[in-house]
PDB file of N, CA and C in Angstrom:
ATOM      1  N   MET A   1      29.612   0.855  15.727  1.00  0.00           N
ATOM      2  CA  MET A   1      28.858   0.029  16.647  1.00  0.00           C
ATOM      3  C   MET A   1      28.610   0.803  17.938  1.00  0.00           C
ATOM      4  N   PRO A   2      27.458   0.545  18.542  1.00  0.00           N
ATOM      5  CA  PRO A   2      27.135   1.257  19.790  1.00  0.00           C
ATOM      6  C   PRO A   2      28.007   0.765  20.947  1.00  0.00           C
ATOM      7  N   ASN A   3      28.265   1.675  21.859  1.00  0.00           N
ATOM      8  CA  ASN A   3      29.104   1.338  23.008  1.00  0.00           C
ATOM      9  C   ASN A   3      28.314   1.263  24.300  1.00  0.00           C
ATOM     10  N   THR A   4      27.394   2.149  24.490  1.00  0.00           N
ATOM     11  CA  THR A   4      26.649   2.177  25.742  1.00  0.00           C
ATOM     12  C   THR A   4      25.483   1.197  25.696  1.00  0.00           C
ATOM     13  N   PRO A   5      25.031   0.740  26.839  1.00  0.00           N
ATOM     14  CA  PRO A   5      23.892  -0.189  26.867  1.00  0.00           C
ATOM     15  C   PRO A   5      22.632   0.400  26.235  1.00  0.00           C
ATOM     16  N   SER A   6      22.422   1.678  26.459  1.00  0.00           N
ATOM     17  CA  SER A   6      21.213   2.282  25.882  1.00  0.00           C
ATOM     18  C   SER A   6      21.310   2.376  24.360  1.00  0.00           C
ATOM     19  N   ALA A   7      22.509   2.630  23.863  1.00  0.00           N
ATOM     20  CA  ALA A   7      22.704   2.686  22.412  1.00  0.00           C
ATOM     21  C   ALA A   7      22.517   1.302  21.797  1.00  0.00           C
ATOM     22  N   LYS A   8      22.959   0.262  22.512  1.00  0.00           N
ATOM     23  CA  LYS A   8      22.769  -1.102  22.027  1.00  0.00           C
ATOM     24  C   LYS A   8      21.283  -1.450  21.974  1.00  0.00           C
ATOM     25  N   ALA A   9      20.552  -1.022  22.985  1.00  0.00           N
ATOM     26  CA  ALA A   9      19.107  -1.278  23.015  1.00  0.00           C
ATOM     27  C   ALA A   9      18.411  -0.539  21.877  1.00  0.00           C
ATOM     28  N   GLU A  10      18.817   0.681  21.626  1.00  0.00           N
ATOM     29  CA  GLU A  10      18.221   1.457  20.525  1.00  0.00           C
ATOM     30  C   GLU A  10      18.506   0.809  19.184  1.00  0.00           C
ATOM     31  N   LEU A  11      19.689   0.258  19.017  1.00  0.00           N
ATOM     32  CA  LEU A  11      20.026  -0.432  17.777  1.00  0.00           C
ATOM     33  C   LEU A  11      19.121  -1.644  17.571  1.00  0.00           C
ATOM     34  N   ARG A  12      18.933  -2.424  18.637  1.00  0.00           N
ATOM     35  CA  ARG A  12      18.055  -3.593  18.538  1.00  0.00           C
ATOM     36  C   ARG A  12      16.633  -3.160  18.169  1.00  0.00           C
ATOM     37  N   LYS A  13      16.163  -2.099  18.812  1.00  0.00           N
ATOM     38  CA  LYS A  13      14.807  -1.613  18.537  1.00  0.00           C
ATOM     39  C   LYS A  13      14.680  -1.101  17.110  1.00  0.00           C
ATOM     40  N   SER A  14      15.699  -0.394  16.643  1.00  0.00           N
ATOM     41  CA  SER A  14      15.608   0.154  15.287  1.00  0.00           C
ATOM     42  C   SER A  14      15.643  -0.958  14.245  1.00  0.00           C
ATOM     43  N   LEU A  15      16.389  -2.027  14.504  1.00  0.00           N
ATOM     44  CA  LEU A  15      16.414  -3.153  13.568  1.00  0.00           C
ATOM     45  C   LEU A  15      15.063  -3.863  13.519  1.00  0.00           C
ATOM     46  N   LYS A  16      14.423  -4.027  14.669  1.00  0.00           N
ATOM     47  CA  LYS A  16      13.089  -4.637  14.707  1.00  0.00           C
ATOM     48  C   LYS A  16      12.089  -3.766  13.946  1.00  0.00           C
ATOM     49  N   ARG A  17      12.158  -2.456  14.191  1.00  0.00           N
ATOM     50  CA  ARG A  17      11.245  -1.539  13.511  1.00  0.00           C
ATOM     51  C   ARG A  17      11.464  -1.560  12.008  1.00  0.00           C
ATOM     52  N   ARG A  18      12.719  -1.626  11.608  1.00  0.00           N
ATOM     53  CA  ARG A  18      13.039  -1.637  10.182  1.00  0.00           C
ATOM     54  C   ARG A  18      12.414  -2.846   9.501  1.00  0.00           C
ATOM     55  N   GLU A  19      12.542  -4.009  10.114  1.00  0.00           N
ATOM     56  CA  GLU A  19      11.958  -5.218   9.528  1.00  0.00           C
ATOM     57  C   GLU A  19      10.436  -5.121   9.468  1.00  0.00           C
ATOM     58  N   ARG A  20       9.838  -4.628  10.534  1.00  0.00           N
ATOM     59  CA  ARG A  20       8.379  -4.484  10.567  1.00  0.00           C
ATOM     60  C   ARG A  20       7.922  -3.492   9.502  1.00  0.00           C
ATOM     61  N   ASN A  21       8.616  -2.388   9.384  1.00  0.00           N
ATOM     62  CA  ASN A  21       8.237  -1.367   8.410  1.00  0.00           C
ATOM     63  C   ASN A  21       8.424  -1.873   6.981  1.00  0.00           C
ATOM     64  N   ARG A  22       9.496  -2.614   6.739  1.00  0.00           N
ATOM     65  CA  ARG A  22       9.719  -3.153   5.388  1.00  0.00           C
ATOM     66  C   ARG A  22       8.600  -4.106   5.008  1.00  0.00           C
ATOM     67  N   GLY A  23       8.172  -4.918   5.959  1.00  0.00           N
ATOM     68  CA  GLY A  23       7.084  -5.852   5.688  1.00  0.00           C
ATOM     69  C   GLY A  23       5.785  -5.139   5.377  1.00  0.00           C
ATOM     70  N   ARG A  24       5.483  -4.122   6.151  1.00  0.00           N
ATOM     71  CA  ARG A  24       4.253  -3.358   5.924  1.00  0.00           C
ATOM     72  C   ARG A  24       4.272  -2.678   4.561  1.00  0.00           C
ATOM     73  N   ARG A  25       5.394  -2.079   4.227  1.00  0.00           N
ATOM     74  CA  ARG A  25       5.510  -1.364   2.956  1.00  0.00           C
ATOM     75  C   ARG A  25       5.425  -2.340   1.783  1.00  0.00           C
ATOM     76  N   THR A  26       6.073  -3.497   1.909  1.00  0.00           N
ATOM     77  CA  THR A  26       6.039  -4.507   0.856  1.00  0.00           C
ATOM     78  C   THR A  26       4.619  -5.015   0.644  1.00  0.00           C
ATOM     79  N   THR A  27       3.911  -5.293   1.719  1.00  0.00           N
ATOM     80  CA  THR A  27       2.541  -5.784   1.615  1.00  0.00           C
ATOM     81  C   THR A  27       1.663  -4.766   0.896  1.00  0.00           C
ATOM     82  N   MET A  28       1.801  -3.498   1.264  1.00  0.00           N
ATOM     83  CA  MET A  28       1.018  -2.456   0.613  1.00  0.00           C
ATOM     84  C   MET A  28       1.315  -2.405  -0.885  1.00  0.00           C
ATOM     85  N   ARG A  29       2.592  -2.434  -1.227  1.00  0.00           N
ATOM     86  CA  ARG A  29       2.972  -2.357  -2.643  1.00  0.00           C
ATOM     87  C   ARG A  29       2.458  -3.564  -3.426  1.00  0.00           C
ATOM     88  N   ASN A  30       2.473  -4.740  -2.807  1.00  0.00           N
ATOM     89  CA  ASN A  30       1.970  -5.933  -3.482  1.00  0.00           C
ATOM     90  C   ASN A  30       0.475  -5.817  -3.774  1.00  0.00           C
ATOM     91  N   TRP A  31      -0.306  -5.277  -2.846  1.00  0.00           N
ATOM     92  CA  TRP A  31      -1.742  -5.119  -3.082  1.00  0.00           C
ATOM     93  C   TRP A  31      -2.004  -4.075  -4.164  1.00  0.00           C
ATOM     94  N   ILE A  32      -1.176  -3.048  -4.214  1.00  0.00           N
ATOM     95  CA  ILE A  32      -1.315  -2.051  -5.289  1.00  0.00           C
ATOM     96  C   ILE A  32      -1.049  -2.722  -6.633  1.00  0.00           C
ATOM     97  N   LYS A  33      -0.001  -3.535  -6.698  1.00  0.00           N
ATOM     98  CA  LYS A  33       0.332  -4.234  -7.940  1.00  0.00           C
ATOM     99  C   LYS A  33      -0.774  -5.204  -8.336  1.00  0.00           C
ATOM    100  N   ARG A  34      -1.359  -5.900  -7.350  1.00  0.00           N
ATOM    101  CA  ARG A  34      -2.454  -6.828  -7.648  1.00  0.00           C
ATOM    102  C   ARG A  34      -3.642  -6.089  -8.240  1.00  0.00           C
ATOM    103  N   THR A  35      -3.936  -4.914  -7.702  1.00  0.00           N
ATOM    104  CA  THR A  35      -5.051  -4.125  -8.217  1.00  0.00           C
ATOM    105  C   THR A  35      -4.789  -3.711  -9.654  1.00  0.00           C
ATOM    106  N   LEU A  36      -3.597  -3.204  -9.919  1.00  0.00           N
ATOM    107  CA  LEU A  36      -3.266  -2.780 -11.278  1.00  0.00           C
ATOM    108  C   LEU A  36      -3.250  -3.961 -12.246  1.00  0.00           C
ATOM    109  N   GLN A  37      -2.802  -5.121 -11.774  1.00  0.00           N
ATOM    110  CA  GLN A  37      -2.799  -6.302 -12.619  1.00  0.00           C
ATOM    111  C   GLN A  37      -4.223  -6.741 -12.942  1.00  0.00           C
ATOM    112  N   ALA A  38      -5.122  -6.673 -11.972  1.00  0.00           N
ATOM    113  CA  ALA A  38      -6.524  -7.041 -12.209  1.00  0.00           C
ATOM    114  C   ALA A  38      -7.164  -6.086 -13.206  1.00  0.00           C
ATOM    115  N   VAL A  39      -6.815  -4.812 -13.129  1.00  0.00           N
ATOM    116  CA  VAL A  39      -7.342  -3.838 -14.092  1.00  0.00           C
ATOM    117  C   VAL A  39      -6.800  -4.163 -15.480  1.00  0.00           C
ATOM    118  N   GLU A  40      -5.523  -4.479 -15.549  1.00  0.00           N
ATOM    119  CA  GLU A  40      -4.912  -4.803 -16.840  1.00  0.00           C
ATOM    120  C   GLU A  40      -5.540  -6.067 -17.442  1.00  0.00           C
ATOM    121  N   ASP A  41      -5.877  -7.031 -16.568  1.00  0.00           N
ATOM    122  CA  ASP A  41      -6.512  -8.269 -17.029  1.00  0.00           C
ATOM    123  C   ASP A  41      -8.011  -8.093 -17.274  1.00  0.00           C
ATOM    124  N   ARG A  42      -8.522  -6.905 -16.983  1.00  0.00           N
ATOM    125  CA  ARG A  42      -9.939  -6.570 -17.165  1.00  0.00           C
ATOM    126  C   ARG A  42     -10.850  -7.449 -16.309  1.00  0.00           C
ATOM    127  N   ASN A  43     -10.390  -7.738 -15.096  1.00  0.00           N
ATOM    128  CA  ASN A  43     -11.144  -8.535 -14.138  1.00  0.00           C
ATOM    129  C   ASN A  43     -11.730  -7.581 -13.099  1.00  0.00           C
ATOM    130  N   LEU A  44     -12.977  -7.166 -13.318  1.00  0.00           N
ATOM    131  CA  LEU A  44     -13.583  -6.132 -12.479  1.00  0.00           C
ATOM    132  C   LEU A  44     -13.764  -6.598 -11.038  1.00  0.00           C
ATOM    133  N   ALA A  45     -14.247  -7.818 -10.845  1.00  0.00           N
ATOM    134  CA  ALA A  45     -14.492  -8.306  -9.481  1.00  0.00           C
ATOM    135  C   ALA A  45     -13.195  -8.343  -8.670  1.00  0.00           C
ATOM    136  N   GLU A  46     -12.147  -8.846  -9.271  1.00  0.00           N
ATOM    137  CA  GLU A  46     -10.854  -8.912  -8.580  1.00  0.00           C
ATOM    138  C   GLU A  46     -10.296  -7.508  -8.345  1.00  0.00           C
ATOM    139  N   ALA A  47     -10.465  -6.628  -9.309  1.00  0.00           N
ATOM    140  CA  ALA A  47      -9.963  -5.258  -9.164  1.00  0.00           C
ATOM    141  C   ALA A  47     -10.655  -4.543  -8.012  1.00  0.00           C
ATOM    142  N   GLU A  48     -11.961  -4.719  -7.900  1.00  0.00           N
ATOM    143  CA  GLU A  48     -12.697  -4.062  -6.806  1.00  0.00           C
ATOM    144  C   GLU A  48     -12.275  -4.619  -5.455  1.00  0.00           C
ATOM    145  N   ARG A  49     -12.090  -5.939  -5.383  1.00  0.00           N
ATOM    146  CA  ARG A  49     -11.692  -6.569  -4.122  1.00  0.00           C
ATOM    147  C   ARG A  49     -10.292  -6.109  -3.703  1.00  0.00           C
ATOM    148  N   THR A  50      -9.370  -6.104  -4.644  1.00  0.00           N
ATOM    149  CA  THR A  50      -8.001  -5.718  -4.305  1.00  0.00           C
ATOM    150  C   THR A  50      -7.888  -4.215  -4.048  1.00  0.00           C
ATOM    151  N   LEU A  51      -8.729  -3.423  -4.711  1.00  0.00           N
ATOM    152  CA  LEU A  51      -8.732  -1.979  -4.446  1.00  0.00           C
ATOM    153  C   LEU A  51      -9.091  -1.700  -2.996  1.00  0.00           C
ATOM    154  N   GLN A  52     -10.073  -2.418  -2.492  1.00  0.00           N
ATOM    155  CA  GLN A  52     -10.502  -2.219  -1.115  1.00  0.00           C
ATOM    156  C   GLN A  52      -9.359  -2.520  -0.144  1.00  0.00           C
ATOM    157  N   MET A  53      -8.667  -3.630  -0.367  1.00  0.00           N
ATOM    158  CA  MET A  53      -7.560  -4.007   0.521  1.00  0.00           C
ATOM    159  C   MET A  53      -6.381  -3.053   0.356  1.00  0.00           C
ATOM    160  N   ALA A  54      -6.088  -2.652  -0.873  1.00  0.00           N
ATOM    161  CA  ALA A  54      -4.974  -1.719  -1.104  1.00  0.00           C
ATOM    162  C   ALA A  54      -5.246  -0.388  -0.419  1.00  0.00           C
ATOM    163  N   SER A  55      -6.470   0.112  -0.521  1.00  0.00           N
ATOM    164  CA  SER A  55      -6.817   1.383   0.119  1.00  0.00           C
ATOM    165  C   SER A  55      -6.671   1.291   1.630  1.00  0.00           C
ATOM    166  N   LYS A  56      -7.089   0.167   2.171  1.00  0.00           N
ATOM    167  CA  LYS A  56      -6.983  -0.042   3.614  1.00  0.00           C
ATOM    168  C   LYS A  56      -5.521  -0.015   4.052  1.00  0.00           C
ATOM    169  N   LEU A  57      -4.670  -0.710   3.304  1.00  0.00           N
ATOM    170  CA  LEU A  57      -3.255  -0.758   3.667  1.00  0.00           C
ATOM    171  C   LEU A  57      -2.564   0.578   3.452  1.00  0.00           C
ATOM    172  N   ILE A  58      -2.962   1.312   2.425  1.00  0.00           N
ATOM    173  CA  ILE A  58      -2.398   2.646   2.209  1.00  0.00           C
ATOM    174  C   ILE A  58      -2.723   3.536   3.402  1.00  0.00           C
ATOM    175  N   ASP A  59      -3.980   3.490   3.858  1.00  0.00           N
ATOM    176  CA  ASP A  59      -4.373   4.299   5.017  1.00  0.00           C
ATOM    177  C   ASP A  59      -3.606   3.892   6.273  1.00  0.00           C
ATOM    178  N   LYS A  60      -3.401   2.609   6.446  1.00  0.00           N
ATOM    179  CA  LYS A  60      -2.649   2.151   7.617  1.00  0.00           C
ATOM    180  C   LYS A  60      -1.205   2.625   7.552  1.00  0.00           C
ATOM    181  N   ASN A  61      -0.613   2.621   6.369  1.00  0.00           N
ATOM    182  CA  ASN A  61       0.764   3.090   6.243  1.00  0.00           C
ATOM    183  C   ASN A  61       0.869   4.581   6.514  1.00  0.00           C
ATOM    184  N   VAL A  62      -0.171   5.331   6.229  1.00  0.00           N
ATOM    185  CA  VAL A  62      -0.176   6.753   6.598  1.00  0.00           C
ATOM    186  C   VAL A  62      -0.208   6.871   8.118  1.00  0.00           C
ATOM    187  N   LYS A  63      -1.044   6.055   8.742  1.00  0.00           N
ATOM    188  CA  LYS A  63      -1.158   6.094  10.200  1.00  0.00           C
ATOM    189  C   LYS A  63       0.166   5.760  10.866  1.00  0.00           C
ATOM    190  N   TRP A  64       0.928   4.836  10.276  1.00  0.00           N
ATOM    191  CA  TRP A  64       2.215   4.429  10.832  1.00  0.00           C
ATOM    192  C   TRP A  64       3.355   5.324  10.366  1.00  0.00           C
ATOM    193  N   ASN A  65       3.050   6.444   9.701  1.00  0.00           N
ATOM    194  CA  ASN A  65       4.053   7.387   9.201  1.00  0.00           C
ATOM    195  C   ASN A  65       5.009   6.755   8.201  1.00  0.00           C
ATOM    196  N   GLN A  66       4.517   5.801   7.426  1.00  0.00           N
ATOM    197  CA  GLN A  66       5.309   5.184   6.372  1.00  0.00           C
ATOM    198  C   GLN A  66       5.167   5.963   5.074  1.00  0.00           C
ATOM    199  N   LEU A  67       4.082   6.716   4.967  1.00  0.00           N
ATOM    200  CA  LEU A  67       3.703   7.345   3.720  1.00  0.00           C
ATOM    201  C   LEU A  67       3.072   8.691   4.044  1.00  0.00           C
ATOM    202  N   HIS A  68       3.374   9.692   3.245  1.00  0.00           N
ATOM    203  CA  HIS A  68       2.771  11.001   3.444  1.00  0.00           C
ATOM    204  C   HIS A  68       1.305  10.957   3.025  1.00  0.00           C
ATOM    205  N   ALA A  69       0.470  11.708   3.712  1.00  0.00           N
ATOM    206  CA  ALA A  69      -0.971  11.680   3.460  1.00  0.00           C
ATOM    207  C   ALA A  69      -1.309  12.070   2.017  1.00  0.00           C
ATOM    208  N   ASN A  70      -0.617  13.062   1.473  1.00  0.00           N
ATOM    209  CA  ASN A  70      -0.905  13.476   0.097  1.00  0.00           C
ATOM    210  C   ASN A  70      -0.487  12.405  -0.908  1.00  0.00           C
ATOM    211  N   ASN A  71       0.631  11.751  -0.645  1.00  0.00           N
ATOM    212  CA  ASN A  71       1.089  10.670  -1.506  1.00  0.00           C
ATOM    213  C   ASN A  71       0.068   9.528  -1.476  1.00  0.00           C
ATOM    214  N   ALA A  72      -0.447   9.227  -0.292  1.00  0.00           N
ATOM    215  CA  ALA A  72      -1.442   8.166  -0.151  1.00  0.00           C
ATOM    216  C   ALA A  72      -2.719   8.526  -0.894  1.00  0.00           C
ATOM    217  N   ALA A  73      -3.152   9.754  -0.776  1.00  0.00           N
ATOM    218  CA  ALA A  73      -4.374  10.185  -1.466  1.00  0.00           C
ATOM    219  C   ALA A  73      -4.193  10.065  -2.972  1.00  0.00           C
ATOM    220  N   ARG A  74      -3.019  10.417  -3.451  1.00  0.00           N
ATOM    221  CA  ARG A  74      -2.751  10.319  -4.887  1.00  0.00           C
ATOM    222  C   ARG A  74      -2.772   8.860  -5.348  1.00  0.00           C
ATOM    223  N   LYS A  75      -2.147   7.960  -4.585  1.00  0.00           N
ATOM    224  CA  LYS A  75      -2.141   6.541  -4.938  1.00  0.00           C
ATOM    225  C   LYS A  75      -3.554   5.978  -4.948  1.00  0.00           C
ATOM    226  N   LYS A  76      -4.336   6.298  -3.928  1.00  0.00           N
ATOM    227  CA  LYS A  76      -5.707   5.786  -3.857  1.00  0.00           C
ATOM    228  C   LYS A  76      -6.548   6.328  -4.995  1.00  0.00           C
ATOM    229  N   SER A  77      -6.345   7.577  -5.344  1.00  0.00           N
ATOM    230  CA  SER A  77      -7.092   8.185  -6.437  1.00  0.00           C
ATOM    231  C   SER A  77      -6.752   7.512  -7.761  1.00  0.00           C
ATOM    232  N   GLN A  78      -5.486   7.260  -7.990  1.00  0.00           N
ATOM    233  CA  GLN A  78      -5.065   6.616  -9.235  1.00  0.00           C
ATOM    234  C   GLN A  78      -5.646   5.210  -9.348  1.00  0.00           C
ATOM    235  N   LEU A  79      -5.631   4.469  -8.246  1.00  0.00           N
ATOM    236  CA  LEU A  79      -6.182   3.118  -8.269  1.00  0.00           C
ATOM    237  C   LEU A  79      -7.691   3.147  -8.492  1.00  0.00           C
ATOM    238  N   ALA A  80      -8.377   4.042  -7.779  1.00  0.00           N
ATOM    239  CA  ALA A  80      -9.835   4.129  -7.917  1.00  0.00           C
ATOM    240  C   ALA A  80     -10.206   4.546  -9.331  1.00  0.00           C
ATOM    241  N   ARG A  81      -9.455   5.465  -9.912  1.00  0.00           N
ATOM    242  CA  ARG A  81      -9.744   5.910 -11.275  1.00  0.00           C
ATOM    243  C   ARG A  81      -9.573   4.751 -12.255  1.00  0.00           C
ATOM    244  N   ALA A  82      -8.533   3.945 -12.062  1.00  0.00           N
ATOM    245  CA  ALA A  82      -8.297   2.809 -12.953  1.00  0.00           C
ATOM    246  C   ALA A  82      -9.437   1.798 -12.856  1.00  0.00           C
ATOM    247  N   VAL A  83      -9.897   1.523 -11.633  1.00  0.00           N
ATOM    248  CA  VAL A  83     -10.999   0.566 -11.451  1.00  0.00           C
ATOM    249  C   VAL A  83     -12.295   1.142 -12.009  1.00  0.00           C
ATOM    250  N   ASN A  84     -12.532   2.428 -11.791  1.00  0.00           N
ATOM    251  CA  ASN A  84     -13.754   3.051 -12.315  1.00  0.00           C
ATOM    252  C   ASN A  84     -13.748   3.086 -13.834  1.00  0.00           C
ATOM    253  N   ASP A  85     -12.603   3.313 -14.437  1.00  0.00           N
ATOM    254  CA  ASP A  85     -12.513   3.280 -15.899  1.00  0.00           C
ATOM    255  C   ASP A  85     -12.840   1.885 -16.416  1.00  0.00           C
ATOM    256  N   LEU A  86     -12.375   0.872 -15.702  1.00  0.00           N
ATOM    257  CA  LEU A  86     -12.685  -0.504 -16.083  1.00  0.00           C
ATOM    258  C   LEU A  86     -14.189  -0.770 -15.942  1.00  0.00           C
ATOM    259  N   ARG A  87     -14.759  -0.254 -14.868  1.00  0.00           N
ATOM    260  CA  ARG A  87     -16.201  -0.446 -14.628  1.00  0.00           C
ATOM    261  C   ARG A  87     -17.026   0.196 -15.737  1.00  0.00           C
ATOM    262  N   THR A  88     -16.688   1.420 -16.133  1.00  0.00           N
ATOM    263  CA  THR A  88     -17.468   2.119 -17.147  1.00  0.00           C
ATOM    264  C   THR A  88     -17.175   1.609 -18.548  1.00  0.00           C
ATOM    265  N   ALA A  89     -16.022   0.976 -18.750  1.00  0.00           N
ATOM    266  CA  ALA A  89     -15.683   0.448 -20.077  1.00  0.00           C
ATOM    267  C   ALA A  89     -16.592  -0.713 -20.440  1.00  0.00           C
ATOM    268  N   GLY A  90     -17.093  -1.438 -19.441  1.00  0.00           N
ATOM    269  CA  GLY A  90     -17.958  -2.578 -19.715  1.00  0.00           C
ATOM    270  C   GLY A  90     -19.400  -2.204 -19.996  1.00  0.00           C
ATOM    271  N   GLN A  91     -19.758  -0.942 -19.745  1.00  0.00           N
ATOM    272  CA  GLN A  91     -21.146  -0.510 -19.943  1.00  0.00           C
ATOM    273  C   GLN A  91     -21.296   0.167 -21.297  1.00  0.00           C
ATOM    274  N   PRO A  92     -22.460  -0.039 -21.950  1.00  0.00           N
ATOM    275  CA  PRO A  92     -22.674   0.651 -23.229  1.00  0.00           C
ATOM    276  C   PRO A  92     -22.849   2.152 -23.034  1.00  0.00           C
ATOM    277  N   ALA A  93     -22.368   2.913 -23.963  1.00  0.00           N
ATOM    278  CA  ALA A  93     -22.409   4.371 -23.848  1.00  0.00           C
ATOM    279  C   ALA A  93     -23.748   4.932 -24.270  1.00  0.00           C
TER     280      ALA A  93
END
């Protein structure tokens, strides 16, 4: 446990940040899951809508240093590829 007043203040701040960061990360992961679920259900309209929100949240998490930029690019690419595959699967070849 912290002893000095400044250490106590830092502990309070770090706990607040931890809760805020956990919420942001959870929200991002939920939108990613929603996008993948829409692709699995073959619901193109829902997949496109959730992809847009997931991409936005992924970018915000990069800005907040929650996620590395390369990791974010990989996640966005995987989601976009899944939605695009769904889009092209509905069209005749």
